[in-house]
Amino acid sequence: MTQSVADLINNIENGTLADAEQVFKDIMDVKAGSALDAYRQEIAANVFNNASEEDFSDEDDSDEGFEGESEEDFSGEDDAEI
């Protein structure tokens, strides 16, 4: 990357702006790619760390708050008369 910056400066000094533009684009591609990869790793770590804590907890919350309720109470039919 240091060589690329030196190439960019040399191209600007020599007046070869088309070459300087290409070197600049290459430098920006590398920097943006590195930043994007770091962000992806951060997001993946957060997603998988949070998922592993929630998915493997010792508590079973599936029936919480439904004690004494039968499946008939949740038939999906509307109880109101039409």
N, C-alpha and C. Protein backbone atom coordinates (compact mmCIF):
# COMPACT_ATOMS: atom_id res chain seq x y z
N MET A 1 0.83 -1.19 0.00
CA MET A 1 0.00 0.00 0.00
C MET A 1 0.87 1.25 0.00
N THR A 2 2.00 1.22 0.70
CA THR A 2 2.90 2.37 0.73
C THR A 2 3.40 2.68 -0.67
N GLN A 3 3.69 1.64 -1.43
CA GLN A 3 4.13 1.84 -2.81
C GLN A 3 3.02 2.50 -3.64
N SER A 4 1.77 2.13 -3.39
CA SER A 4 0.65 2.71 -4.13
C SER A 4 0.52 4.20 -3.86
N VAL A 5 0.70 4.60 -2.61
CA VAL A 5 0.63 6.03 -2.27
C VAL A 5 1.77 6.77 -2.94
N ALA A 6 2.96 6.17 -2.95
CA ALA A 6 4.09 6.79 -3.63
C ALA A 6 3.82 6.89 -5.13
N ASP A 7 3.21 5.85 -5.71
CA ASP A 7 2.86 5.89 -7.13
C ASP A 7 1.84 6.99 -7.41
N LEU A 8 0.89 7.14 -6.52
CA LEU A 8 -0.13 8.19 -6.69
C LEU A 8 0.53 9.57 -6.69
N ILE A 9 1.40 9.81 -5.74
CA ILE A 9 2.09 11.10 -5.66
C ILE A 9 2.96 11.34 -6.88
N ASN A 10 3.70 10.31 -7.28
CA ASN A 10 4.56 10.44 -8.46
C ASN A 10 3.74 10.72 -9.72
N ASN A 11 2.61 10.06 -9.88
CA ASN A 11 1.76 10.29 -11.05
C ASN A 11 1.20 11.71 -11.06
N ILE A 12 0.84 12.21 -9.89
CA ILE A 12 0.33 13.59 -9.81
C ILE A 12 1.44 14.58 -10.16
N GLU A 13 2.63 14.34 -9.59
CA GLU A 13 3.76 15.24 -9.87
C GLU A 13 4.15 15.21 -11.35
N ASN A 14 4.08 14.05 -11.97
CA ASN A 14 4.47 13.91 -13.38
C ASN A 14 3.38 14.36 -14.34
N GLY A 15 2.18 14.62 -13.82
CA GLY A 15 1.10 15.08 -14.68
C GLY A 15 0.33 13.96 -15.34
N THR A 16 0.60 12.72 -14.99
CA THR A 16 -0.16 11.59 -15.55
C THR A 16 -1.36 11.33 -14.66
N LEU A 17 -2.36 12.19 -14.83
CA LEU A 17 -3.52 12.16 -13.95
C LEU A 17 -4.41 10.94 -14.17
N ALA A 18 -4.43 10.41 -15.38
CA ALA A 18 -5.21 9.20 -15.64
C ALA A 18 -4.64 8.03 -14.83
N ASP A 19 -3.32 7.93 -14.80
CA ASP A 19 -2.68 6.89 -14.00
C ASP A 19 -2.89 7.14 -12.51
N ALA A 20 -2.82 8.40 -12.11
CA ALA A 20 -3.05 8.75 -10.71
C ALA A 20 -4.47 8.39 -10.29
N GLU A 21 -5.42 8.61 -11.20
CA GLU A 21 -6.81 8.27 -10.90
C GLU A 21 -6.95 6.77 -10.66
N GLN A 22 -6.34 5.97 -11.50
CA GLN A 22 -6.44 4.52 -11.35
C GLN A 22 -5.78 4.04 -10.05
N VAL A 23 -4.63 4.62 -9.71
CA VAL A 23 -3.96 4.26 -8.46
C VAL A 23 -4.83 4.65 -7.28
N PHE A 24 -5.45 5.84 -7.36
CA PHE A 24 -6.33 6.30 -6.29
C PHE A 24 -7.51 5.34 -6.12
N LYS A 25 -8.12 4.94 -7.24
CA LYS A 25 -9.25 4.00 -7.17
C LYS A 25 -8.82 2.67 -6.55
N ASP A 26 -7.64 2.21 -6.91
CA ASP A 26 -7.13 0.96 -6.34
C ASP A 26 -6.93 1.07 -4.83
N ILE A 27 -6.38 2.19 -4.39
CA ILE A 27 -6.17 2.42 -2.96
C ILE A 27 -7.51 2.43 -2.23
N MET A 28 -8.49 3.14 -2.79
CA MET A 28 -9.80 3.23 -2.16
C MET A 28 -10.50 1.87 -2.14
N ASP A 29 -10.34 1.07 -3.19
CA ASP A 29 -10.93 -0.28 -3.21
C ASP A 29 -10.37 -1.14 -2.07
N VAL A 30 -9.07 -1.05 -1.88
CA VAL A 30 -8.44 -1.84 -0.81
C VAL A 30 -8.93 -1.37 0.56
N LYS A 31 -8.98 -0.05 0.76
CA LYS A 31 -9.42 0.49 2.06
C LYS A 31 -10.89 0.16 2.32
N ALA A 32 -11.74 0.34 1.31
CA ALA A 32 -13.16 0.05 1.48
C ALA A 32 -13.38 -1.44 1.72
N GLY A 33 -12.66 -2.28 1.00
CA GLY A 33 -12.78 -3.72 1.20
C GLY A 33 -12.36 -4.14 2.59
N SER A 34 -11.29 -3.58 3.08
CA SER A 34 -10.83 -3.89 4.43
C SER A 34 -11.84 -3.45 5.48
N ALA A 35 -12.37 -2.26 5.31
CA ALA A 35 -13.36 -1.75 6.26
C ALA A 35 -14.63 -2.60 6.22
N LEU A 36 -15.06 -2.99 5.04
CA LEU A 36 -16.25 -3.82 4.90
C LEU A 36 -16.04 -5.19 5.52
N ASP A 37 -14.90 -5.79 5.32
CA ASP A 37 -14.59 -7.09 5.93
C ASP A 37 -14.59 -7.00 7.45
N ALA A 38 -14.02 -5.94 7.99
CA ALA A 38 -14.00 -5.77 9.44
C ALA A 38 -15.42 -5.62 9.98
N TYR A 39 -16.26 -4.87 9.27
CA TYR A 39 -17.65 -4.67 9.69
C TYR A 39 -18.43 -5.98 9.62
N ARG A 40 -18.21 -6.76 8.56
CA ARG A 40 -18.87 -8.06 8.42
C ARG A 40 -18.49 -8.98 9.58
N GLN A 41 -17.21 -9.00 9.93
CA GLN A 41 -16.76 -9.85 11.04
C GLN A 41 -17.39 -9.41 12.35
N GLU A 42 -17.50 -8.11 12.55
CA GLU A 42 -18.11 -7.59 13.78
C GLU A 42 -19.58 -7.99 13.86
N ILE A 43 -20.31 -7.83 12.75
CA ILE A 43 -21.73 -8.18 12.73
C ILE A 43 -21.90 -9.68 12.94
N ALA A 44 -21.10 -10.48 12.25
CA ALA A 44 -21.20 -11.94 12.39
C ALA A 44 -20.92 -12.36 13.82
N ALA A 45 -19.93 -11.78 14.44
CA ALA A 45 -19.61 -12.12 15.82
C ALA A 45 -20.77 -11.77 16.73
N ASN A 46 -21.38 -10.61 16.52
CA ASN A 46 -22.52 -10.21 17.35
C ASN A 46 -23.71 -11.13 17.12
N VAL A 47 -23.99 -11.48 15.89
CA VAL A 47 -25.13 -12.33 15.58
C VAL A 47 -24.94 -13.71 16.19
N PHE A 48 -23.79 -14.32 15.96
CA PHE A 48 -23.57 -15.67 16.44
C PHE A 48 -23.37 -15.73 17.95
N ASN A 49 -22.79 -14.71 18.55
CA ASN A 49 -22.65 -14.71 20.01
C ASN A 49 -24.00 -14.55 20.67
N ASN A 50 -24.85 -13.66 20.16
CA ASN A 50 -26.18 -13.48 20.72
C ASN A 50 -27.04 -14.70 20.49
N ALA A 51 -26.96 -15.30 19.31
CA ALA A 51 -27.77 -16.47 19.00
C ALA A 51 -27.36 -17.65 19.88
N SER A 52 -26.08 -17.82 20.10
CA SER A 52 -25.64 -18.95 20.91
C SER A 52 -26.08 -18.79 22.36
N GLU A 53 -26.11 -17.60 22.88
CA GLU A 53 -26.57 -17.36 24.25
C GLU A 53 -28.06 -17.62 24.37
N GLU A 54 -28.85 -17.20 23.38
CA GLU A 54 -30.30 -17.36 23.43
C GLU A 54 -30.71 -18.78 23.09
N ASP A 55 -30.10 -19.40 22.10
CA ASP A 55 -30.50 -20.72 21.64
C ASP A 55 -30.16 -21.81 22.63
N PHE A 56 -29.11 -21.64 23.42
CA PHE A 56 -28.66 -22.69 24.29
C PHE A 56 -28.89 -22.37 25.77
N SER A 57 -29.86 -21.53 26.03
CA SER A 57 -30.14 -21.22 27.43
C SER A 57 -30.82 -22.42 28.08
N ASP A 58 -30.68 -22.55 29.41
CA ASP A 58 -31.23 -23.69 30.14
C ASP A 58 -32.73 -23.57 30.37
N GLU A 59 -33.27 -22.39 30.19
CA GLU A 59 -34.69 -22.18 30.45
C GLU A 59 -35.52 -22.56 29.25
N ASP A 60 -36.71 -23.14 29.52
CA ASP A 60 -37.65 -23.47 28.45
C ASP A 60 -38.83 -22.51 28.56
N ASP A 61 -38.86 -21.51 27.70
CA ASP A 61 -39.88 -20.47 27.75
C ASP A 61 -41.07 -20.77 26.85
N SER A 62 -41.14 -21.94 26.24
CA SER A 62 -42.15 -22.20 25.23
C SER A 62 -43.57 -22.20 25.79
N ASP A 63 -43.77 -22.65 27.04
CA ASP A 63 -45.12 -22.71 27.61
C ASP A 63 -45.34 -21.68 28.70
N GLU A 64 -44.46 -20.73 28.80
CA GLU A 64 -44.55 -19.74 29.86
C GLU A 64 -45.82 -18.92 29.72
N GLY A 65 -46.58 -18.81 30.78
CA GLY A 65 -47.78 -17.99 30.80
C GLY A 65 -49.01 -18.70 30.29
N PHE A 66 -48.92 -20.00 30.00
CA PHE A 66 -50.07 -20.72 29.46
C PHE A 66 -50.48 -21.88 30.37
N GLU A 67 -50.13 -21.84 31.65
CA GLU A 67 -50.52 -22.89 32.56
C GLU A 67 -52.04 -22.88 32.69
N GLY A 68 -52.65 -24.08 32.67
CA GLY A 68 -54.09 -24.19 32.83
C GLY A 68 -54.86 -23.95 31.54
N GLU A 69 -54.23 -23.63 30.49
CA GLU A 69 -54.88 -23.41 29.20
C GLU A 69 -54.83 -24.71 28.41
N SER A 70 -55.89 -25.03 27.70
CA SER A 70 -55.88 -26.23 26.86
C SER A 70 -55.75 -25.82 25.40
N GLU A 71 -55.46 -26.80 24.58
CA GLU A 71 -55.33 -26.52 23.15
C GLU A 71 -56.64 -26.06 22.55
N GLU A 72 -57.76 -26.48 23.14
CA GLU A 72 -59.07 -26.08 22.64
C GLU A 72 -59.27 -24.57 22.75
N ASP A 73 -58.63 -23.96 23.75
CA ASP A 73 -58.75 -22.52 23.94
C ASP A 73 -58.07 -21.75 22.82
N PHE A 74 -57.20 -22.41 22.07
CA PHE A 74 -56.44 -21.76 21.01
C PHE A 74 -56.75 -22.37 19.65
N SER A 75 -58.01 -22.69 19.41
CA SER A 75 -58.39 -23.39 18.18
C SER A 75 -58.30 -22.49 16.95
N GLY A 76 -58.30 -21.19 17.16
CA GLY A 76 -58.21 -20.27 16.03
C GLY A 76 -59.59 -19.82 15.55
N GLU A 77 -60.64 -20.43 16.10
CA GLU A 77 -61.98 -20.04 15.70
C GLU A 77 -62.41 -18.83 16.51
N ASP A 78 -63.20 -17.99 15.88
CA ASP A 78 -63.69 -16.79 16.56
C ASP A 78 -64.87 -17.18 17.44
N ASP A 79 -64.83 -16.80 18.71
CA ASP A 79 -65.88 -17.16 19.66
C ASP A 79 -67.11 -16.26 19.53
N ALA A 80 -66.95 -15.12 18.86
CA ALA A 80 -68.06 -14.18 18.75
C ALA A 80 -69.13 -14.72 17.79
N GLU A 81 -70.38 -14.48 18.12
CA GLU A 81 -71.49 -14.92 17.26
C GLU A 81 -71.66 -13.92 16.13
N ILE A 82 -71.95 -14.44 14.97
CA ILE A 82 -72.10 -13.55 13.80
C ILE A 82 -73.56 -13.35 13.52
